[in-house]
Amino acid sequence: MTKIIVVGGGASGLVAAISAKRSGAEVIVLERNDTLAKKILITGNGKCNYWNEDQNLNHYHSSSEELLKDIITLENQKKVLNFFDELGIIPKIKNGYYYPYSNQAVAIKAALINEIENLKIEVLNNMFVEKIEKENDKFLVFTKNKTFSSDSVIIATGSKAAPKTGSDGNGYLLAKKFGHKIVPILPSLTQIYGDSFYYKEWNGIRLEAKVSLYEDDKLIKEETGEIHLTDYGVSGICIFNLSGLAAKGLAKKRKEIVLINFVPDLCFNNCTDFVKWLDKRNRNLNNRTIAKLFDGFINYKLVYLFLKLVQINPNLLWQDISDEKKLLLADIIINHKLNVLKVNDFLKAQVCSGGVNLSEINPKTMESFKVKNLYFTGEILDVDGDCGGYNLSFAWISGILAGEDIGDNNA
């Protein structure tokens, strides 16, 4: 019987262990924490958005994106849904987002651990793997207190994001010792810091906006939805989905700019069109002051901030403002520029970009091309997804592929 050691008892590691055990292999899970699946409990604000029915590849990012089409396949998507159906998870689906019906992340953790126990998979907590060596056809996995021998190893240690959950990047060191290239590790799905002096004045505002990331003046990505204005810049799901790309650009010394449109639903093509719309609104509202002209569709704190930035007296009438000032005000509302200084650090990041180079991994099995019977799953690989269940989606798929392949070899 094939003996497998799974290094890491998180999302992808547990799925890999279950898939391998179901195929008849002997499996041991080594987890550095005192409990399994620690990070799952904090996903989706504790609700665990574990899947998304929109599995378009543009929701995933990698330096080897062309390989994702061989991983995020329809067949593999069905395997994930079947897997959770077999675990007894009833999904609550909202706009394509899958949550456990209880809206509690602990339901996903419990379902995985229950299956681990049902299959009698050996789990050893508080086991930090210091190094892995291969001698002939066997792997030696060294921890502080014990050395384990196995036929195959699955490294599922996660990334460097959220280190309080045990993700400190140790898996990258294990991979490098086997000759694997590590694509630079950067924070992703995190907040963005800007360089302007007035952020304390908009701190705490939440609103709908369209945000566009430009790199060296080229549009890279756009998102529309709720953003949070903070005393350092911006946050929220839309911003998170830009942050990984911004971090990569900054690492390459490129200029990263986020443009914010605070009235995306009004669909103005340019500032001139916006000014014409305000001209019409002014005529319909009987010459209200400029501040009152914006009542009802822009947060009042932002109105006064923007008027101050453009140096317009809020008590003036619209027709008393120069055409130049009108265009400046329109521009600051629909093309608000935030020069990106940095993204937040690993402590606040939900995931990382970068990791074990995907080109060195068999996309159909997650096995290393460099070392036979060595597998990588989940966040340790150079794949990161948008908010919306995509990082867990990749964890499930990669875990199933690795576990099934080892099981097939065991048959």
Protein backbone atom coordinates (compact mmCIF):
# COMPACT_ATOMS: atom_id res chain seq x y z
CA MET A 1 0.00 0.00 0.00
CA THR A 2 1.30 3.42 -0.97
CA LYS A 3 2.15 5.57 2.04
CA ILE A 4 1.52 9.30 1.70
CA ILE A 5 2.44 12.21 3.91
CA VAL A 6 0.46 15.41 3.52
CA VAL A 7 2.32 18.40 4.91
CA GLY A 8 -0.35 20.85 5.98
CA GLY A 9 -3.87 20.30 7.28
CA GLY A 10 -5.58 23.20 5.57
CA ALA A 11 -8.14 23.26 2.75
CA SER A 12 -6.14 21.64 -0.04
CA GLY A 13 -4.25 19.28 2.25
CA LEU A 14 -7.39 17.79 3.78
CA VAL A 15 -9.07 17.34 0.41
CA ALA A 16 -5.92 15.69 -0.96
CA ALA A 17 -5.73 13.38 2.07
CA ILE A 18 -9.39 12.36 1.73
CA SER A 19 -9.11 11.79 -2.03
CA ALA A 20 -5.98 9.67 -1.63
CA LYS A 21 -7.39 7.61 1.24
CA ARG A 22 -10.59 6.90 -0.68
CA SER A 23 -8.40 5.38 -3.38
CA GLY A 24 -6.78 2.98 -0.93
CA ALA A 25 -3.56 4.74 0.07
CA GLU A 26 -2.25 5.03 3.62
CA VAL A 27 -2.26 8.70 4.58
CA ILE A 28 -0.72 10.73 7.39
CA VAL A 29 -1.42 14.46 7.75
CA LEU A 30 1.24 16.55 9.52
CA GLU A 31 -0.16 19.88 10.75
CA ARG A 32 1.98 22.51 12.46
CA ASN A 33 -0.96 23.99 14.42
CA ASP A 34 -2.79 22.34 17.27
CA THR A 35 -5.91 22.07 15.11
CA LEU A 36 -6.80 21.49 11.47
CA ALA A 37 -8.26 23.92 8.94
CA LYS A 38 -7.58 27.02 10.99
CA LYS A 39 -7.73 29.42 8.05
CA ILE A 40 -11.06 28.09 6.77
CA LEU A 41 -12.80 29.55 9.83
CA ILE A 42 -11.91 33.14 8.85
CA THR A 43 -12.82 32.92 5.17
CA GLY A 44 -15.80 34.87 3.92
CA ASN A 45 -16.02 36.77 7.22
CA GLY A 46 -16.71 33.49 8.96
CA LYS A 47 -19.32 32.35 6.42
CA CYS A 48 -16.89 30.54 4.07
CA ASN A 49 -17.68 31.36 0.46
CA TYR A 50 -16.30 28.01 -0.68
CA TRP A 51 -17.20 28.01 -4.39
CA ASN A 52 -18.39 30.20 -7.25
CA GLU A 53 -20.34 28.96 -10.24
CA ASP A 54 -18.58 31.53 -12.46
CA GLN A 55 -15.28 29.76 -12.99
CA ASN A 56 -14.06 32.02 -15.80
CA LEU A 57 -10.28 31.89 -15.92
CA ASN A 58 -10.04 35.68 -15.67
CA HIS A 59 -10.75 35.27 -11.95
CA TYR A 60 -7.41 33.47 -11.51
CA HIS A 61 -3.90 34.93 -11.77
CA SER A 62 -0.53 33.29 -12.35
CA SER A 63 2.72 33.91 -14.18
CA SER A 64 1.77 30.76 -16.12
CA GLU A 65 -1.87 31.58 -16.79
CA GLU A 66 -1.97 29.49 -19.96
CA LEU A 67 -1.78 26.36 -17.76
CA LEU A 68 -4.89 27.23 -15.76
CA LYS A 69 -7.15 25.98 -18.55
CA ASP A 70 -5.86 22.46 -17.84
CA ILE A 71 -6.68 22.76 -14.14
CA ILE A 72 -9.94 24.73 -13.93
CA THR A 73 -11.78 22.38 -16.28
CA LEU A 74 -15.49 21.55 -16.31
CA GLU A 75 -14.66 18.00 -15.27
CA ASN A 76 -12.64 19.18 -12.29
CA GLN A 77 -15.34 21.67 -11.30
CA LYS A 78 -17.86 18.81 -11.21
CA LYS A 79 -15.48 16.81 -9.03
CA VAL A 80 -15.48 19.58 -6.44
CA LEU A 81 -19.26 19.88 -6.34
CA ASN A 82 -19.61 16.10 -6.09
CA PHE A 83 -17.00 16.02 -3.34
CA PHE A 84 -18.94 18.46 -1.14
CA ASP A 85 -22.22 16.79 -1.95
CA GLU A 86 -20.73 13.53 -0.67
CA LEU A 87 -19.65 15.32 2.51
CA GLY A 88 -23.24 16.36 3.10
CA ILE A 89 -22.75 20.08 2.54
CA ILE A 90 -25.97 21.79 1.45
CA PRO A 91 -25.05 24.95 -0.45
CA LYS A 92 -26.76 28.28 -0.05
CA ILE A 93 -26.25 29.94 -3.43
CA LYS A 94 -26.50 33.71 -3.80
CA ASN A 95 -25.58 35.33 -7.13
CA GLY A 96 -23.44 32.29 -7.92
CA TYR A 97 -21.59 32.39 -4.57
CA TYR A 98 -21.70 29.13 -2.60
CA TYR A 99 -21.91 29.14 1.20
CA PRO A 100 -22.77 26.31 3.58
CA TYR A 101 -26.49 26.55 4.27
CA SER A 102 -25.83 27.47 7.91
CA ASN A 103 -23.70 30.44 6.78
CA GLN A 104 -21.01 29.17 9.13
CA ALA A 105 -17.47 28.36 8.04
CA VAL A 106 -17.27 25.79 10.80
CA ALA A 107 -19.68 23.63 8.75
CA ILE A 108 -17.02 23.19 6.05
CA LYS A 109 -14.31 22.50 8.60
CA ALA A 110 -16.49 20.00 10.44
CA ALA A 111 -17.46 18.17 7.24
CA LEU A 112 -13.81 17.75 6.24
CA ILE A 113 -12.70 16.62 9.69
CA ASN A 114 -15.63 14.22 10.00
CA GLU A 115 -14.58 12.55 6.76
CA ILE A 116 -10.95 12.44 7.91
CA GLU A 117 -12.12 10.63 11.04
CA ASN A 118 -14.51 8.35 9.17
CA LEU A 119 -11.68 7.26 6.86
CA LYS A 120 -9.37 6.81 9.86
CA ILE A 121 -6.72 9.08 8.38
CA GLU A 122 -3.94 9.64 10.89
CA VAL A 123 -3.55 13.30 11.84
CA LEU A 124 -0.62 14.55 13.88
CA ASN A 125 -0.91 18.15 15.12
CA ASN A 126 1.91 20.36 16.35
CA MET A 127 4.20 18.80 13.74
CA PHE A 128 6.37 21.41 12.05
CA VAL A 129 8.21 19.93 9.07
CA GLU A 130 11.78 21.18 9.12
CA LYS A 131 13.03 19.49 5.96
CA ILE A 132 12.23 16.78 3.42
CA GLU A 133 14.78 14.59 1.69
CA LYS A 134 14.48 11.85 -0.90
CA GLU A 135 16.58 8.73 -0.71
CA ASN A 136 16.13 6.35 -3.62
CA ASP A 137 12.34 6.00 -3.94
CA LYS A 138 11.49 7.06 -0.38
CA PHE A 139 10.90 10.47 1.16
CA LEU A 140 12.17 11.29 4.63
CA VAL A 141 10.12 13.97 6.35
CA PHE A 142 11.88 15.49 9.36
CA THR A 143 10.10 17.12 12.28
CA LYS A 144 11.60 18.16 15.59
CA ASN A 145 10.62 14.96 17.37
CA LYS A 146 10.25 12.35 14.65
CA THR A 147 11.27 11.41 11.12
CA PHE A 148 8.66 9.91 8.82
CA SER A 149 9.15 7.78 5.71
CA SER A 150 6.73 7.74 2.78
CA ASP A 151 6.35 6.88 -0.89
CA SER A 152 4.79 10.23 -1.80
CA VAL A 153 4.60 13.69 -0.28
CA ILE A 154 2.00 16.39 -0.82
CA ILE A 155 3.16 19.85 0.24
CA ALA A 156 0.07 21.86 1.15
CA THR A 157 1.55 24.37 3.58
CA GLY A 158 -0.18 27.48 2.26
CA SER A 159 1.48 30.81 1.52
CA LYS A 160 2.73 33.67 3.71
CA ALA A 161 -0.67 35.34 4.04
CA ALA A 162 -2.40 35.50 7.42
CA PRO A 163 0.64 34.16 9.33
CA LYS A 164 -1.39 33.92 12.54
CA THR A 165 -3.02 30.84 11.00
CA GLY A 166 0.39 29.18 10.62
CA SER A 167 1.28 30.27 7.09
CA ASP A 168 4.85 31.52 7.33
CA GLY A 169 6.23 30.51 3.92
CA ASN A 170 8.06 27.41 5.15
CA GLY A 171 6.69 25.43 2.22
CA TYR A 172 8.60 27.61 -0.22
CA LEU A 173 11.84 26.61 1.48
CA LEU A 174 10.92 22.93 1.21
CA ALA A 175 10.15 23.38 -2.49
CA LYS A 176 13.37 25.27 -3.21
CA LYS A 177 15.46 22.45 -1.74
CA PHE A 178 13.99 20.19 -4.43
CA GLY A 179 15.05 22.65 -7.13
CA HIS A 180 11.74 24.39 -7.65
CA LYS A 181 11.64 28.02 -8.73
CA ILE A 182 9.59 30.34 -6.53
CA VAL A 183 7.81 33.19 -8.31
CA PRO A 184 8.22 36.26 -6.01
CA ILE A 185 5.77 36.16 -3.10
CA LEU A 186 3.64 39.28 -2.68
CA PRO A 187 0.51 40.12 -0.66
CA SER A 188 -2.83 39.87 -2.47
CA LEU A 189 -6.49 40.48 -1.58
CA THR A 190 -5.60 43.30 0.75
CA GLN A 191 -5.88 47.06 1.19
CA ILE A 192 -4.23 49.73 -0.97
CA TYR A 193 -2.34 52.74 0.39
CA GLY A 194 -2.39 56.07 -1.45
CA ASP A 195 -0.28 59.21 -1.18
CA SER A 196 -2.78 62.05 -0.58
CA PHE A 197 -3.08 64.20 2.54
CA TYR A 198 -6.86 64.27 2.87
CA TYR A 199 -7.71 60.61 3.51
CA LYS A 200 -8.54 61.23 7.17
CA GLU A 201 -11.43 63.38 5.97
CA TRP A 202 -13.06 60.55 4.04
CA ASN A 203 -12.22 57.81 6.51
CA GLY A 204 -15.12 55.50 7.31
CA ILE A 205 -17.22 56.11 4.19
CA ARG A 206 -18.57 53.07 2.36
CA LEU A 207 -20.11 53.45 -1.07
CA GLU A 208 -20.59 51.94 -4.52
CA ALA A 209 -17.90 52.89 -7.03
CA LYS A 210 -16.05 51.74 -10.10
CA VAL A 211 -12.31 51.33 -9.55
CA SER A 212 -9.79 50.99 -12.38
CA LEU A 213 -6.15 49.99 -12.00
CA TYR A 214 -3.70 51.58 -14.42
CA GLU A 215 -0.11 50.44 -14.74
CA ASP A 216 2.19 52.90 -16.50
CA ASP A 217 -1.00 54.52 -17.86
CA LYS A 218 -2.36 51.24 -19.26
CA LEU A 219 -5.67 49.90 -17.97
CA ILE A 220 -5.08 46.56 -16.22
CA LYS A 221 -8.32 45.71 -14.41
CA GLU A 222 -11.68 47.24 -13.48
CA GLU A 223 -14.09 46.36 -10.68
CA THR A 224 -17.45 47.78 -9.61
CA GLY A 225 -18.98 47.40 -6.16
CA GLU A 226 -18.65 48.60 -2.59
CA ILE A 227 -15.40 50.22 -1.52
CA HIS A 228 -14.30 51.47 1.90
CA LEU A 229 -12.51 54.80 2.18
CA THR A 230 -9.87 54.72 4.90
CA ASP A 231 -7.35 57.04 6.51
CA TYR A 232 -4.58 55.48 4.43
CA GLY A 233 -6.38 54.93 1.11
CA VAL A 234 -8.99 52.37 0.08
CA SER A 235 -10.28 48.92 0.99
CA GLY A 236 -13.17 46.59 0.15
CA ILE A 237 -13.62 43.61 -2.15
CA CYS A 238 -13.18 45.64 -5.34
CA ILE A 239 -9.89 47.01 -4.06
CA PHE A 240 -8.76 43.57 -2.89
CA ASN A 241 -9.20 42.29 -6.44
CA LEU A 242 -6.81 44.98 -7.71
CA SER A 243 -4.23 44.67 -4.94
CA GLY A 244 -2.31 41.62 -6.15
CA LEU A 245 -1.80 43.11 -9.61
CA ALA A 246 -0.77 46.43 -8.07
CA ALA A 247 1.75 44.68 -5.82
CA LYS A 248 3.31 42.92 -8.80
CA GLY A 249 3.60 46.20 -10.68
CA LEU A 250 5.15 48.02 -7.75
CA ALA A 251 7.68 45.22 -7.34
CA LYS A 252 8.73 45.90 -10.93
CA LYS A 253 9.03 49.66 -10.20
CA ARG A 254 6.01 50.49 -12.34
CA LYS A 255 3.60 53.35 -11.70
CA GLU A 256 0.31 52.08 -10.28
CA ILE A 257 -2.75 54.33 -10.20
CA VAL A 258 -6.30 53.58 -9.09
CA LEU A 259 -9.00 55.75 -10.65
CA ILE A 260 -12.26 55.91 -8.71
CA ASN A 261 -15.60 56.80 -10.28
CA PHE A 262 -17.92 57.76 -7.41
CA VAL A 263 -21.05 57.79 -9.60
CA PRO A 264 -20.66 54.66 -11.76
CA ASP A 265 -24.38 54.12 -12.28
CA LEU A 266 -24.75 57.49 -14.02
CA CYS A 267 -22.49 56.20 -16.82
CA PHE A 268 -20.77 59.41 -17.91
CA ASN A 269 -18.28 59.00 -20.74
CA ASN A 270 -16.29 62.09 -19.78
CA CYS A 271 -16.26 65.16 -17.56
CA THR A 272 -17.99 67.31 -20.16
CA ASP A 273 -21.01 65.00 -20.20
CA PHE A 274 -21.11 65.05 -16.39
CA VAL A 275 -21.06 68.86 -16.34
CA LYS A 276 -23.91 68.98 -18.89
CA TRP A 277 -25.92 66.63 -16.66
CA LEU A 278 -25.28 68.89 -13.66
CA ASP A 279 -26.30 71.92 -15.73
CA LYS A 280 -29.64 70.24 -16.41
CA ARG A 281 -30.02 69.16 -12.77
CA ASN A 282 -29.36 72.75 -11.68
CA ARG A 283 -32.09 74.07 -13.96
CA ASN A 284 -34.57 71.50 -12.65
CA LEU A 285 -33.78 72.20 -8.98
CA ASN A 286 -34.20 75.98 -9.04
CA ASN A 287 -30.68 77.16 -8.43
CA ARG A 288 -29.68 75.31 -5.30
CA THR A 289 -26.26 75.96 -3.81
CA ILE A 290 -23.50 73.80 -5.19
CA ALA A 291 -23.43 71.69 -2.00
CA LYS A 292 -27.19 71.05 -2.14
CA LEU A 293 -27.01 70.26 -5.85
CA PHE A 294 -25.22 67.01 -4.92
CA ASP A 295 -27.71 66.01 -2.23
CA GLY A 296 -28.98 62.49 -2.66
CA PHE A 297 -26.38 60.95 -4.92
CA ILE A 298 -22.96 61.67 -3.39
CA ASN A 299 -22.04 61.27 0.28
CA TYR A 300 -22.20 64.74 1.85
CA LYS A 301 -18.76 64.37 3.48
CA LEU A 302 -17.27 63.68 0.06
CA VAL A 303 -19.09 66.65 -1.47
CA TYR A 304 -17.55 69.08 1.00
CA LEU A 305 -14.14 67.43 0.68
CA PHE A 306 -14.17 67.60 -3.12
CA LEU A 307 -15.36 71.22 -3.10
CA LYS A 308 -12.52 72.09 -0.74
CA LEU A 309 -9.97 70.30 -2.93
CA VAL A 310 -11.14 72.20 -6.02
CA GLN A 311 -11.43 75.43 -3.98
CA ILE A 312 -15.14 76.04 -4.55
CA ASN A 313 -17.27 77.77 -1.94
CA PRO A 314 -20.10 75.31 -1.13
CA ASN A 315 -22.57 78.21 -0.80
CA LEU A 316 -22.11 79.38 -4.37
CA LEU A 317 -24.69 78.71 -7.03
CA TRP A 318 -23.77 76.32 -9.86
CA GLN A 319 -24.02 79.03 -12.52
CA ASP A 320 -21.59 81.23 -10.59
CA ILE A 321 -18.77 78.69 -10.89
CA SER A 322 -16.31 78.93 -13.77
CA ASP A 323 -16.36 76.30 -16.49
CA GLU A 324 -12.81 75.35 -15.51
CA LYS A 325 -13.81 74.70 -11.90
CA LYS A 326 -16.85 72.70 -13.02
CA LEU A 327 -14.64 70.40 -15.09
CA LEU A 328 -12.15 70.03 -12.23
CA LEU A 329 -14.97 69.05 -9.87
CA ALA A 330 -16.38 66.58 -12.38
CA ASP A 331 -12.94 65.07 -12.85
CA ILE A 332 -12.34 64.57 -9.13
CA ILE A 333 -15.68 62.77 -8.87
CA ILE A 334 -15.52 60.43 -11.86
CA ASN A 335 -11.73 60.14 -12.30
CA HIS A 336 -10.47 60.41 -8.75
CA LYS A 337 -6.78 59.56 -8.83
CA LEU A 338 -5.09 57.50 -6.12
CA ASN A 339 -1.36 57.02 -6.62
CA VAL A 340 -0.56 53.62 -5.13
CA LEU A 341 2.22 53.74 -2.56
CA LYS A 342 1.95 50.12 -1.46
CA VAL A 343 -0.47 47.35 -0.64
CA ASN A 344 -0.95 46.11 2.91
CA ASP A 345 1.41 43.46 4.27
CA PHE A 346 1.16 39.68 4.63
CA LEU A 347 -0.42 40.06 8.07
CA LYS A 348 -3.53 41.62 6.51
CA ALA A 349 -3.49 39.85 3.14
CA GLN A 350 -5.99 37.05 2.58
CA VAL A 351 -3.72 35.25 0.10
CA CYS A 352 -0.44 35.75 -1.77
CA SER A 353 0.49 36.02 -5.38
CA GLY A 354 3.53 34.04 -6.49
CA GLY A 355 4.72 30.67 -5.26
CA VAL A 356 5.97 27.43 -6.80
CA ASN A 357 6.16 28.00 -10.54
CA LEU A 358 3.16 26.36 -12.17
CA SER A 359 5.22 25.47 -15.25
CA GLU A 360 7.15 22.99 -13.07
CA ILE A 361 3.97 21.15 -12.07
CA ASN A 362 1.87 18.69 -14.06
CA PRO A 363 -1.45 20.58 -14.35
CA LYS A 364 -3.43 17.33 -14.59
CA THR A 365 -2.02 15.78 -11.40
CA MET A 366 -0.20 18.51 -9.39
CA GLU A 367 2.90 16.31 -9.40
CA SER A 368 6.31 17.92 -9.67
CA PHE A 369 8.05 17.59 -13.01
CA LYS A 370 11.34 17.73 -11.11
CA VAL A 371 10.77 15.11 -8.41
CA LYS A 372 8.65 12.02 -8.94
CA ASN A 373 5.89 11.48 -6.33
CA LEU A 374 6.24 15.01 -4.94
CA TYR A 375 3.02 17.06 -5.18
CA PHE A 376 2.00 20.65 -4.47
CA THR A 377 -1.52 21.91 -3.78
CA GLY A 378 -3.28 25.12 -2.86
CA GLU A 379 -1.75 28.48 -2.03
CA ILE A 380 1.87 27.35 -2.18
CA LEU A 381 1.51 27.32 -5.97
CA ASP A 382 1.79 30.43 -8.14
CA VAL A 383 -1.99 30.85 -8.44
CA ASP A 384 -4.17 33.39 -6.69
CA GLY A 385 -7.82 34.17 -7.26
CA ASP A 386 -10.21 37.06 -6.90
CA CYS A 387 -12.52 37.39 -3.91
CA GLY A 388 -15.58 35.22 -4.30
CA GLY A 389 -14.47 31.70 -3.44
CA TYR A 390 -11.78 31.34 -6.09
CA ASN A 391 -8.82 30.64 -3.83
CA LEU A 392 -10.72 27.88 -2.08
CA SER A 393 -11.90 26.65 -5.48
CA PHE A 394 -8.29 26.21 -6.53
CA ALA A 395 -7.45 24.56 -3.21
CA TRP A 396 -10.22 21.98 -3.67
CA ILE A 397 -9.37 21.25 -7.30
CA SER A 398 -5.62 20.92 -6.78
CA GLY A 399 -6.15 18.76 -3.67
CA ILE A 400 -8.50 16.39 -5.49
CA LEU A 401 -6.14 16.11 -8.48
CA ALA A 402 -3.15 15.24 -6.29
CA GLY A 403 -5.02 12.80 -4.10
CA GLU A 404 -6.65 11.01 -7.01
CA ASP A 405 -3.36 10.70 -8.91
CA ILE A 406 -1.63 9.10 -5.96
CA GLY A 407 -4.64 6.82 -5.54
CA ASP A 408 -4.52 5.82 -9.18
CA ASN A 409 -0.84 4.97 -8.81
CA ASN A 410 -1.73 2.91 -5.76
CA ALA A 411 -4.42 0.90 -7.56
